[in-house]
Amino acid sequence: MASNTPVEDTIRDKITTAFSPSNLIIRNDSHLHAHHAPMRGSTSRETHFHVTITSEAFKSKMQPARHRMVYALLKEEMDREGGIHALQLRTRTPEEEQREKERQAQA
């Protein structure tokens, strides 16, 4: 049976395999952008994503390097006609995630 979210499934599979994330959140925001001019005529419902990844693979790397890692991983999906048009990333290490949780608990 074919998936209703093949692009999201591919994103999840590739990120899980490459980064072994302790936390992975993928939000498909495509419906919020369907009316934009560049999306007119697009048959894909999977063009805009917000992805949060927590992984040890990001240790000792600055945000731009982390993002380049993810962009390189998803290059094929971003280059494909009807593929990913916009990818918003939030990349962090488990320690950064823990610090954020502690800050939120204190607020």
PDB file of N, CA and C in Angstrom:
ATOM      1  N   MET A   1       0.846  -1.184   0.000  1.00  0.00           N
ATOM      2  CA  MET A   1       0.000   0.000   0.000  1.00  0.00           C
ATOM      3  C   MET A   1       0.889   1.244   0.000  1.00  0.00           C
ATOM      4  N   ALA A   2       0.578   2.186  -0.874  1.00  0.00           N
ATOM      5  CA  ALA A   2       1.371   3.403  -0.997  1.00  0.00           C
ATOM      6  C   ALA A   2       1.080   4.347   0.171  1.00  0.00           C
ATOM      7  N   SER A   3       2.124   5.022   0.597  1.00  0.00           N
ATOM      8  CA  SER A   3       1.996   5.969   1.702  1.00  0.00           C
ATOM      9  C   SER A   3       1.356   7.262   1.213  1.00  0.00           C
ATOM     10  N   ASN A   4       0.623   7.916   2.099  1.00  0.00           N
ATOM     11  CA  ASN A   4       0.067   9.240   1.795  1.00  0.00           C
ATOM     12  C   ASN A   4       1.090  10.343   2.025  1.00  0.00           C
ATOM     13  N   THR A   5       2.214   9.990   2.637  1.00  0.00           N
ATOM     14  CA  THR A   5       3.250  10.978   2.948  1.00  0.00           C
ATOM     15  C   THR A   5       4.635  10.444   2.547  1.00  0.00           C
ATOM     16  N   PRO A   6       4.848  10.165   1.260  1.00  0.00           N
ATOM     17  CA  PRO A   6       6.124   9.559   0.863  1.00  0.00           C
ATOM     18  C   PRO A   6       7.339  10.457   1.111  1.00  0.00           C
ATOM     19  N   VAL A   7       7.199  11.763   0.942  1.00  0.00           N
ATOM     20  CA  VAL A   7       8.335  12.661   1.173  1.00  0.00           C
ATOM     21  C   VAL A   7       8.666  12.691   2.660  1.00  0.00           C
ATOM     22  N   GLU A   8       7.667  12.828   3.493  1.00  0.00           N
ATOM     23  CA  GLU A   8       7.888  12.817   4.943  1.00  0.00           C
ATOM     24  C   GLU A   8       8.502  11.486   5.389  1.00  0.00           C
ATOM     25  N   ASP A   9       8.016  10.401   4.827  1.00  0.00           N
ATOM     26  CA  ASP A   9       8.567   9.079   5.161  1.00  0.00           C
ATOM     27  C   ASP A   9      10.043   8.996   4.786  1.00  0.00           C
ATOM     28  N   THR A  10      10.396   9.536   3.632  1.00  0.00           N
ATOM     29  CA  THR A  10      11.786   9.519   3.177  1.00  0.00           C
ATOM     30  C   THR A  10      12.655  10.375   4.092  1.00  0.00           C
ATOM     31  N   ILE A  11      12.154  11.557   4.460  1.00  0.00           N
ATOM     32  CA  ILE A  11      12.883  12.428   5.382  1.00  0.00           C
ATOM     33  C   ILE A  11      13.158  11.672   6.681  1.00  0.00           C
ATOM     34  N   ARG A  12      12.132  11.063   7.241  1.00  0.00           N
ATOM     35  CA  ARG A  12      12.259  10.324   8.500  1.00  0.00           C
ATOM     36  C   ARG A  12      13.276   9.183   8.368  1.00  0.00           C
ATOM     37  N   ASP A  13      13.159   8.416   7.299  1.00  0.00           N
ATOM     38  CA  ASP A  13      14.065   7.275   7.100  1.00  0.00           C
ATOM     39  C   ASP A  13      15.514   7.725   6.967  1.00  0.00           C
ATOM     40  N   LYS A  14      15.750   8.721   6.144  1.00  0.00           N
ATOM     41  CA  LYS A  14      17.122   9.179   5.911  1.00  0.00           C
ATOM     42  C   LYS A  14      17.738   9.780   7.165  1.00  0.00           C
ATOM     43  N   ILE A  15      16.976  10.621   7.867  1.00  0.00           N
ATOM     44  CA  ILE A  15      17.508  11.246   9.084  1.00  0.00           C
ATOM     45  C   ILE A  15      17.756  10.207  10.162  1.00  0.00           C
ATOM     46  N   THR A  16      16.849   9.261  10.316  1.00  0.00           N
ATOM     47  CA  THR A  16      17.007   8.211  11.323  1.00  0.00           C
ATOM     48  C   THR A  16      18.251   7.367  11.035  1.00  0.00           C
ATOM     49  N   THR A  17      18.442   7.024   9.787  1.00  0.00           N
ATOM     50  CA  THR A  17      19.597   6.213   9.404  1.00  0.00           C
ATOM     51  C   THR A  17      20.901   6.991   9.572  1.00  0.00           C
ATOM     52  N   ALA A  18      20.929   8.236   9.135  1.00  0.00           N
ATOM     53  CA  ALA A  18      22.168   9.014   9.133  1.00  0.00           C
ATOM     54  C   ALA A  18      22.559   9.540  10.506  1.00  0.00           C
ATOM     55  N   PHE A  19      21.580   9.956  11.317  1.00  0.00           N
ATOM     56  CA  PHE A  19      21.885  10.676  12.551  1.00  0.00           C
ATOM     57  C   PHE A  19      21.471   9.959  13.835  1.00  0.00           C
ATOM     58  N   SER A  20      20.761   8.856  13.748  1.00  0.00           N
ATOM     59  CA  SER A  20      20.271   8.139  14.939  1.00  0.00           C
ATOM     60  C   SER A  20      19.759   9.119  15.992  1.00  0.00           C
ATOM     61  N   PRO A  21      18.764   9.919  15.648  1.00  0.00           N
ATOM     62  CA  PRO A  21      18.314  10.968  16.572  1.00  0.00           C
ATOM     63  C   PRO A  21      17.648  10.404  17.828  1.00  0.00           C
ATOM     64  N   SER A  22      17.870  11.100  18.931  1.00  0.00           N
ATOM     65  CA  SER A  22      17.158  10.753  20.161  1.00  0.00           C
ATOM     66  C   SER A  22      15.781  11.417  20.159  1.00  0.00           C
ATOM     67  N   ASN A  23      15.626  12.428  19.323  1.00  0.00           N
ATOM     68  CA  ASN A  23      14.342  13.110  19.160  1.00  0.00           C
ATOM     69  C   ASN A  23      14.254  13.571  17.712  1.00  0.00           C
ATOM     70  N   LEU A  24      13.129  13.293  17.068  1.00  0.00           N
ATOM     71  CA  LEU A  24      12.895  13.725  15.694  1.00  0.00           C
ATOM     72  C   LEU A  24      11.441  14.131  15.555  1.00  0.00           C
ATOM     73  N   ILE A  25      11.238  15.386  15.201  1.00  0.00           N
ATOM     74  CA  ILE A  25       9.891  15.896  14.981  1.00  0.00           C
ATOM     75  C   ILE A  25       9.845  16.447  13.560  1.00  0.00           C
ATOM     76  N   ILE A  26       8.914  15.949  12.769  1.00  0.00           N
ATOM     77  CA  ILE A  26       8.741  16.428  11.404  1.00  0.00           C
ATOM     78  C   ILE A  26       7.330  16.986  11.291  1.00  0.00           C
ATOM     79  N   ARG A  27       7.252  18.253  10.961  1.00  0.00           N
ATOM     80  CA  ARG A  27       5.948  18.904  10.798  1.00  0.00           C
ATOM     81  C   ARG A  27       5.799  19.327   9.334  1.00  0.00           C
ATOM     82  N   ASN A  28       4.756  18.842   8.698  1.00  0.00           N
ATOM     83  CA  ASN A  28       4.472  19.191   7.310  1.00  0.00           C
ATOM     84  C   ASN A  28       3.617  20.455   7.308  1.00  0.00           C
ATOM     85  N   ASP A  29       4.230  21.569   6.887  1.00  0.00           N
ATOM     86  CA  ASP A  29       3.525  22.853   6.842  1.00  0.00           C
ATOM     87  C   ASP A  29       3.056  23.213   5.436  1.00  0.00           C
ATOM     88  N   SER A  30       3.049  22.258   4.536  1.00  0.00           N
ATOM     89  CA  SER A  30       2.738  22.518   3.126  1.00  0.00           C
ATOM     90  C   SER A  30       1.380  23.173   2.939  1.00  0.00           C
ATOM     91  N   HIS A  31       0.397  22.751   3.711  1.00  0.00           N
ATOM     92  CA  HIS A  31      -0.950  23.312   3.560  1.00  0.00           C
ATOM     93  C   HIS A  31      -0.987  24.822   3.836  1.00  0.00           C
ATOM     94  N   LEU A  32      -0.042  25.310   4.615  1.00  0.00           N
ATOM     95  CA  LEU A  32       0.009  26.743   4.929  1.00  0.00           C
ATOM     96  C   LEU A  32       0.550  27.567   3.762  1.00  0.00           C
ATOM     97  N   HIS A  33       1.160  26.907   2.788  1.00  0.00           N
ATOM     98  CA  HIS A  33       1.814  27.599   1.683  1.00  0.00           C
ATOM     99  C   HIS A  33       1.217  27.260   0.324  1.00  0.00           C
ATOM    100  N   ALA A  34       0.181  26.466   0.293  1.00  0.00           N
ATOM    101  CA  ALA A  34      -0.399  26.000  -0.965  1.00  0.00           C
ATOM    102  C   ALA A  34      -0.872  27.146  -1.851  1.00  0.00           C
ATOM    103  N   HIS A  35      -1.249  28.272  -1.262  1.00  0.00           N
ATOM    104  CA  HIS A  35      -1.764  29.404  -2.039  1.00  0.00           C
ATOM    105  C   HIS A  35      -0.658  30.302  -2.596  1.00  0.00           C
ATOM    106  N   HIS A  36       0.596  30.084  -2.212  1.00  0.00           N
ATOM    107  CA  HIS A  36       1.694  30.928  -2.682  1.00  0.00           C
ATOM    108  C   HIS A  36       1.946  30.704  -4.170  1.00  0.00           C
ATOM    109  N   ALA A  37       2.325  31.754  -4.854  1.00  0.00           N
ATOM    110  CA  ALA A  37       2.532  31.689  -6.300  1.00  0.00           C
ATOM    111  C   ALA A  37       3.446  30.551  -6.749  1.00  0.00           C
ATOM    112  N   PRO A  38       4.595  30.324  -6.100  1.00  0.00           N
ATOM    113  CA  PRO A  38       5.458  29.232  -6.568  1.00  0.00           C
ATOM    114  C   PRO A  38       4.825  27.848  -6.431  1.00  0.00           C
ATOM    115  N   MET A  39       3.790  27.727  -5.602  1.00  0.00           N
ATOM    116  CA  MET A  39       3.165  26.429  -5.370  1.00  0.00           C
ATOM    117  C   MET A  39       1.985  26.180  -6.309  1.00  0.00           C
ATOM    118  N   ARG A  40       1.562  27.212  -7.044  1.00  0.00           N
ATOM    119  CA  ARG A  40       0.446  27.036  -7.976  1.00  0.00           C
ATOM    120  C   ARG A  40       0.825  26.012  -9.029  1.00  0.00           C
ATOM    121  N   GLY A  41      -0.040  25.081  -9.233  1.00  0.00           N
ATOM    122  CA  GLY A  41       0.211  24.039 -10.216  1.00  0.00           C
ATOM    123  C   GLY A  41       0.983  22.849  -9.675  1.00  0.00           C
ATOM    124  N   SER A  42       1.491  22.950  -8.465  1.00  0.00           N
ATOM    125  CA  SER A  42       2.226  21.833  -7.878  1.00  0.00           C
ATOM    126  C   SER A  42       1.241  20.740  -7.492  1.00  0.00           C
ATOM    127  N   THR A  43       1.583  19.529  -7.841  1.00  0.00           N
ATOM    128  CA  THR A  43       0.707  18.409  -7.497  1.00  0.00           C
ATOM    129  C   THR A  43       1.100  17.798  -6.155  1.00  0.00           C
ATOM    130  N   SER A  44       2.223  18.247  -5.604  1.00  0.00           N
ATOM    131  CA  SER A  44       2.694  17.695  -4.338  1.00  0.00           C
ATOM    132  C   SER A  44       2.044  18.398  -3.148  1.00  0.00           C
ATOM    133  N   ARG A  45       1.724  17.630  -2.137  1.00  0.00           N
ATOM    134  CA  ARG A  45       1.226  18.185  -0.878  1.00  0.00           C
ATOM    135  C   ARG A  45       2.310  18.143   0.183  1.00  0.00           C
ATOM    136  N   GLU A  46       3.528  17.881  -0.250  1.00  0.00           N
ATOM    137  CA  GLU A  46       4.646  17.758   0.679  1.00  0.00           C
ATOM    138  C   GLU A  46       5.806  18.611   0.170  1.00  0.00           C
ATOM    139  N   THR A  47       5.728  19.890   0.437  1.00  0.00           N
ATOM    140  CA  THR A  47       6.727  20.826  -0.081  1.00  0.00           C
ATOM    141  C   THR A  47       7.417  21.646   1.005  1.00  0.00           C
ATOM    142  N   HIS A  48       6.767  21.832   2.144  1.00  0.00           N
ATOM    143  CA  HIS A  48       7.278  22.687   3.221  1.00  0.00           C
ATOM    144  C   HIS A  48       7.315  21.903   4.532  1.00  0.00           C
ATOM    145  N   PHE A  49       8.511  21.832   5.126  1.00  0.00           N
ATOM    146  CA  PHE A  49       8.666  21.060   6.352  1.00  0.00           C
ATOM    147  C   PHE A  49       9.432  21.840   7.406  1.00  0.00           C
ATOM    148  N   HIS A  50       9.065  21.597   8.650  1.00  0.00           N
ATOM    149  CA  HIS A  50       9.819  22.074   9.815  1.00  0.00           C
ATOM    150  C   HIS A  50      10.303  20.806  10.515  1.00  0.00           C
ATOM    151  N   VAL A  51      11.629  20.680  10.660  1.00  0.00           N
ATOM    152  CA  VAL A  51      12.198  19.456  11.212  1.00  0.00           C
ATOM    153  C   VAL A  51      13.085  19.797  12.412  1.00  0.00           C
ATOM    154  N   THR A  52      12.819  19.148  13.523  1.00  0.00           N
ATOM    155  CA  THR A  52      13.648  19.272  14.724  1.00  0.00           C
ATOM    156  C   THR A  52      14.372  17.948  14.915  1.00  0.00           C
ATOM    157  N   ILE A  53      15.702  18.034  15.016  1.00  0.00           N
ATOM    158  CA  ILE A  53      16.524  16.835  15.172  1.00  0.00           C
ATOM    159  C   ILE A  53      17.434  17.014  16.377  1.00  0.00           C
ATOM    160  N   THR A  54      17.418  16.047  17.276  1.00  0.00           N
ATOM    161  CA  THR A  54      18.364  16.007  18.389  1.00  0.00           C
ATOM    162  C   THR A  54      19.249  14.796  18.161  1.00  0.00           C
ATOM    163  N   SER A  55      20.570  15.048  18.049  1.00  0.00           N
ATOM    164  CA  SER A  55      21.473  13.951  17.738  1.00  0.00           C
ATOM    165  C   SER A  55      22.885  14.215  18.245  1.00  0.00           C
ATOM    166  N   GLU A  56      23.533  13.151  18.672  1.00  0.00           N
ATOM    167  CA  GLU A  56      24.944  13.210  19.056  1.00  0.00           C
ATOM    168  C   GLU A  56      25.809  13.586  17.851  1.00  0.00           C
ATOM    169  N   ALA A  57      25.327  13.317  16.643  1.00  0.00           N
ATOM    170  CA  ALA A  57      26.093  13.608  15.426  1.00  0.00           C
ATOM    171  C   ALA A  57      26.389  15.096  15.271  1.00  0.00           C
ATOM    172  N   PHE A  58      25.651  15.936  15.992  1.00  0.00           N
ATOM    173  CA  PHE A  58      25.832  17.380  15.878  1.00  0.00           C
ATOM    174  C   PHE A  58      26.830  17.946  16.886  1.00  0.00           C
ATOM    175  N   LYS A  59      27.345  17.087  17.762  1.00  0.00           N
ATOM    176  CA  LYS A  59      28.317  17.557  18.758  1.00  0.00           C
ATOM    177  C   LYS A  59      29.509  18.197  18.074  1.00  0.00           C
ATOM    178  N   SER A  60      29.973  19.287  18.652  1.00  0.00           N
ATOM    179  CA  SER A  60      31.147  20.044  18.207  1.00  0.00           C
ATOM    180  C   SER A  60      30.984  20.655  16.813  1.00  0.00           C
ATOM    181  N   LYS A  61      29.736  20.757  16.326  1.00  0.00           N
ATOM    182  CA  LYS A  61      29.480  21.393  15.044  1.00  0.00           C
ATOM    183  C   LYS A  61      28.591  22.617  15.255  1.00  0.00           C
ATOM    184  N   MET A  62      28.911  23.686  14.551  1.00  0.00           N
ATOM    185  CA  MET A  62      28.097  24.905  14.610  1.00  0.00           C
ATOM    186  C   MET A  62      26.825  24.680  13.786  1.00  0.00           C
ATOM    187  N   GLN A  63      25.808  25.511  14.025  1.00  0.00           N
ATOM    188  CA  GLN A  63      24.524  25.364  13.331  1.00  0.00           C
ATOM    189  C   GLN A  63      24.660  25.298  11.806  1.00  0.00           C
ATOM    190  N   PRO A  64      25.442  26.192  11.174  1.00  0.00           N
ATOM    191  CA  PRO A  64      25.537  26.105   9.709  1.00  0.00           C
ATOM    192  C   PRO A  64      26.045  24.743   9.224  1.00  0.00           C
ATOM    193  N   ALA A  65      27.006  24.166   9.916  1.00  0.00           N
ATOM    194  CA  ALA A  65      27.529  22.856   9.531  1.00  0.00           C
ATOM    195  C   ALA A  65      26.470  21.774   9.722  1.00  0.00           C
ATOM    196  N   ARG A  66      25.715  21.863  10.784  1.00  0.00           N
ATOM    197  CA  ARG A  66      24.641  20.900  11.040  1.00  0.00           C
ATOM    198  C   ARG A  66      23.605  20.962   9.922  1.00  0.00           C
ATOM    199  N   HIS A  67      23.238  22.179   9.546  1.00  0.00           N
ATOM    200  CA  HIS A  67      22.230  22.357   8.501  1.00  0.00           C
ATOM    201  C   HIS A  67      22.751  21.835   7.168  1.00  0.00           C
ATOM    202  N   ARG A  68      24.019  22.085   6.875  1.00  0.00           N
ATOM    203  CA  ARG A  68      24.598  21.567   5.632  1.00  0.00           C
ATOM    204  C   ARG A  68      24.547  20.042   5.609  1.00  0.00           C
ATOM    205  N   MET A  69      24.751  19.415   6.752  1.00  0.00           N
ATOM    206  CA  MET A  69      24.670  17.954   6.842  1.00  0.00           C
ATOM    207  C   MET A  69      23.278  17.462   6.426  1.00  0.00           C
ATOM    208  N   VAL A  70      22.256  18.140   6.927  1.00  0.00           N
ATOM    209  CA  VAL A  70      20.884  17.736   6.622  1.00  0.00           C
ATOM    210  C   VAL A  70      20.550  18.050   5.164  1.00  0.00           C
ATOM    211  N   TYR A  71      20.942  19.235   4.680  1.00  0.00           N
ATOM    212  CA  TYR A  71      20.681  19.590   3.277  1.00  0.00           C
ATOM    213  C   TYR A  71      21.338  18.591   2.330  1.00  0.00           C
ATOM    214  N   ALA A  72      22.565  18.191   2.630  1.00  0.00           N
ATOM    215  CA  ALA A  72      23.271  17.221   1.785  1.00  0.00           C
ATOM    216  C   ALA A  72      22.531  15.884   1.784  1.00  0.00           C
ATOM    217  N   LEU A  73      22.033  15.501   2.941  1.00  0.00           N
ATOM    218  CA  LEU A  73      21.307  14.241   3.071  1.00  0.00           C
ATOM    219  C   LEU A  73      20.016  14.247   2.240  1.00  0.00           C
ATOM    220  N   LEU A  74      19.346  15.400   2.193  1.00  0.00           N
ATOM    221  CA  LEU A  74      18.047  15.495   1.517  1.00  0.00           C
ATOM    222  C   LEU A  74      18.133  16.191   0.155  1.00  0.00           C
ATOM    223  N   LYS A  75      19.338  16.274  -0.399  1.00  0.00           N
ATOM    224  CA  LYS A  75      19.550  16.976  -1.663  1.00  0.00           C
ATOM    225  C   LYS A  75      18.628  16.472  -2.774  1.00  0.00           C
ATOM    226  N   GLU A  76      18.529  15.175  -2.911  1.00  0.00           N
ATOM    227  CA  GLU A  76      17.698  14.595  -3.974  1.00  0.00           C
ATOM    228  C   GLU A  76      16.239  15.027  -3.838  1.00  0.00           C
ATOM    229  N   GLU A  77      15.724  15.024  -2.617  1.00  0.00           N
ATOM    230  CA  GLU A  77      14.330  15.408  -2.387  1.00  0.00           C
ATOM    231  C   GLU A  77      14.121  16.910  -2.609  1.00  0.00           C
ATOM    232  N   MET A  78      15.156  17.698  -2.392  1.00  0.00           N
ATOM    233  CA  MET A  78      15.051  19.146  -2.585  1.00  0.00           C
ATOM    234  C   MET A  78      15.188  19.517  -4.061  1.00  0.00           C
ATOM    235  N   ASP A  79      15.943  18.734  -4.824  1.00  0.00           N
ATOM    236  CA  ASP A  79      16.162  19.018  -6.239  1.00  0.00           C
ATOM    237  C   ASP A  79      15.037  18.511  -7.135  1.00  0.00           C
ATOM    238  N   ARG A  80      14.299  17.539  -6.657  1.00  0.00           N
ATOM    239  CA  ARG A  80      13.259  16.898  -7.456  1.00  0.00           C
ATOM    240  C   ARG A  80      12.081  17.848  -7.714  1.00  0.00           C
ATOM    241  N   GLU A  81      11.543  17.796  -8.921  1.00  0.00           N
ATOM    242  CA  GLU A  81      10.328  18.541  -9.257  1.00  0.00           C
ATOM    243  C   GLU A  81       9.204  18.085  -8.333  1.00  0.00           C
ATOM    244  N   GLY A  82       8.533  19.024  -7.676  1.00  0.00           N
ATOM    245  CA  GLY A  82       7.476  18.683  -6.732  1.00  0.00           C
ATOM    246  C   GLY A  82       8.011  18.180  -5.403  1.00  0.00           C
ATOM    247  N   GLY A  83       9.313  18.328  -5.190  1.00  0.00           N
ATOM    248  CA  GLY A  83       9.919  17.877  -3.940  1.00  0.00           C
ATOM    249  C   GLY A  83       9.879  18.955  -2.875  1.00  0.00           C
ATOM    250  N   ILE A  84      10.839  18.919  -1.982  1.00  0.00           N
ATOM    251  CA  ILE A  84      10.888  19.875  -0.879  1.00  0.00           C
ATOM    252  C   ILE A  84      11.215  21.262  -1.413  1.00  0.00           C
ATOM    253  N   HIS A  85      10.359  22.213  -1.130  1.00  0.00           N
ATOM    254  CA  HIS A  85      10.549  23.601  -1.542  1.00  0.00           C
ATOM    255  C   HIS A  85      11.175  24.414  -0.408  1.00  0.00           C
ATOM    256  N   ALA A  86      10.777  24.113   0.823  1.00  0.00           N
ATOM    257  CA  ALA A  86      11.286  24.844   1.983  1.00  0.00           C
ATOM    258  C   ALA A  86      11.500  23.872   3.137  1.00  0.00           C
ATOM    259  N   LEU A  87      12.653  24.036   3.788  1.00  0.00           N
ATOM    260  CA  LEU A  87      13.008  23.154   4.893  1.00  0.00           C
ATOM    261  C   LEU A  87      13.529  24.005   6.039  1.00  0.00           C
ATOM    262  N   GLN A  88      12.736  24.097   7.091  1.00  0.00           N
ATOM    263  CA  GLN A  88      13.141  24.836   8.286  1.00  0.00           C
ATOM    264  C   GLN A  88      13.705  23.816   9.275  1.00  0.00           C
ATOM    265  N   LEU A  89      14.937  24.063   9.723  1.00  0.00           N
ATOM    266  CA  LEU A  89      15.609  23.097  10.588  1.00  0.00           C
ATOM    267  C   LEU A  89      15.877  23.646  11.976  1.00  0.00           C
ATOM    268  N   ARG A  90      15.780  22.751  12.930  1.00  0.00           N
ATOM    269  CA  ARG A  90      16.223  23.019  14.304  1.00  0.00           C
ATOM    270  C   ARG A  90      17.073  21.824  14.679  1.00  0.00           C
ATOM    271  N   THR A  91      18.365  22.045  14.800  1.00  0.00           N
ATOM    272  CA  THR A  91      19.291  20.956  15.085  1.00  0.00           C
ATOM    273  C   THR A  91      19.974  21.223  16.420  1.00  0.00           C
ATOM    274  N   ARG A  92      20.046  20.178  17.235  1.00  0.00           N
ATOM    275  CA  ARG A  92      20.662  20.346  18.561  1.00  0.00           C
ATOM    276  C   ARG A  92      21.213  19.013  19.049  1.00  0.00           C
ATOM    277  N   THR A  93      22.081  19.124  20.033  1.00  0.00           N
ATOM    278  CA  THR A  93      22.635  17.941  20.682  1.00  0.00           C
ATOM    279  C   THR A  93      21.729  17.578  21.858  1.00  0.00           C
ATOM    280  N   PRO A  94      21.863  16.371  22.392  1.00  0.00           N
ATOM    281  CA  PRO A  94      21.062  16.012  23.573  1.00  0.00           C
ATOM    282  C   PRO A  94      21.302  16.974  24.745  1.00  0.00           C
ATOM    283  N   GLU A  95      22.535  17.451  24.898  1.00  0.00           N
ATOM    284  CA  GLU A  95      22.839  18.386  25.992  1.00  0.00           C
ATOM    285  C   GLU A  95      22.128  19.721  25.783  1.00  0.00           C
ATOM    286  N   GLU A  96      22.094  20.185  24.551  1.00  0.00           N
ATOM    287  CA  GLU A  96      21.392  21.438  24.259  1.00  0.00           C
ATOM    288  C   GLU A  96      19.892  21.282  24.504  1.00  0.00           C
ATOM    289  N   GLU A  97      19.352  20.149  24.136  1.00  0.00           N
ATOM    290  CA  GLU A  97      17.939  19.879  24.375  1.00  0.00           C
ATOM    291  C   GLU A  97      17.645  19.862  25.877  1.00  0.00           C
ATOM    292  N   GLN A  98      18.517  19.226  26.658  1.00  0.00           N
ATOM    293  CA  GLN A  98      18.345  19.160  28.106  1.00  0.00           C
ATOM    294  C   GLN A  98      18.387  20.554  28.726  1.00  0.00           C
ATOM    295  N   ARG A  99      19.351  21.374  28.310  1.00  0.00           N
ATOM    296  CA  ARG A  99      19.445  22.749  28.826  1.00  0.00           C
ATOM    297  C   ARG A  99      18.185  23.545  28.506  1.00  0.00           C
ATOM    298  N   GLU A 100      17.647  23.334  27.322  1.00  0.00           N
ATOM    299  CA  GLU A 100      16.424  24.028  26.936  1.00  0.00           C
ATOM    300  C   GLU A 100      15.248  23.597  27.811  1.00  0.00           C
ATOM    301  N   LYS A 101      15.150  22.312  28.075  1.00  0.00           N
ATOM    302  CA  LYS A 101      14.084  21.811  28.954  1.00  0.00           C
ATOM    303  C   LYS A 101      14.204  22.393  30.359  1.00  0.00           C
ATOM    304  N   GLU A 102      15.424  22.490  30.856  1.00  0.00           N
ATOM    305  CA  GLU A 102      15.648  23.060  32.187  1.00  0.00           C
ATOM    306  C   GLU A 102      15.263  24.541  32.219  1.00  0.00           C
ATOM    307  N   ARG A 103      15.608  25.279  31.171  1.00  0.00           N
ATOM    308  CA  ARG A 103      15.241  26.706  31.102  1.00  0.00           C
ATOM    309  C   ARG A 103      13.727  26.868  31.076  1.00  0.00           C
ATOM    310  N   GLN A 104      13.046  26.014  30.307  1.00  0.00           N
ATOM    311  CA  GLN A 104      11.591  26.096  30.236  1.00  0.00           C
ATOM    312  C   GLN A 104      10.944  25.750  31.564  1.00  0.00           C
ATOM    313  N   ALA A 105      11.537  24.825  32.296  1.00  0.00           N
ATOM    314  CA  ALA A 105      10.986  24.433  33.596  1.00  0.00           C
ATOM    315  C   ALA A 105      11.125  25.562  34.623  1.00  0.00           C
ATOM    316  N   GLN A 106      12.157  26.378  34.467  1.00  0.00           N
ATOM    317  CA  GLN A 106      12.383  27.494  35.383  1.00  0.00           C
ATOM    318  C   GLN A 106      11.522  28.705  35.049  1.00  0.00           C
ATOM    319  N   ALA A 107      11.051  28.771  33.821  1.00  0.00           N
ATOM    320  CA  ALA A 107      10.273  29.946  33.379  1.00  0.00           C
ATOM    321  C   ALA A 107       8.872  29.958  33.944  1.00  0.00           C
TER     322      ALA A 107
END
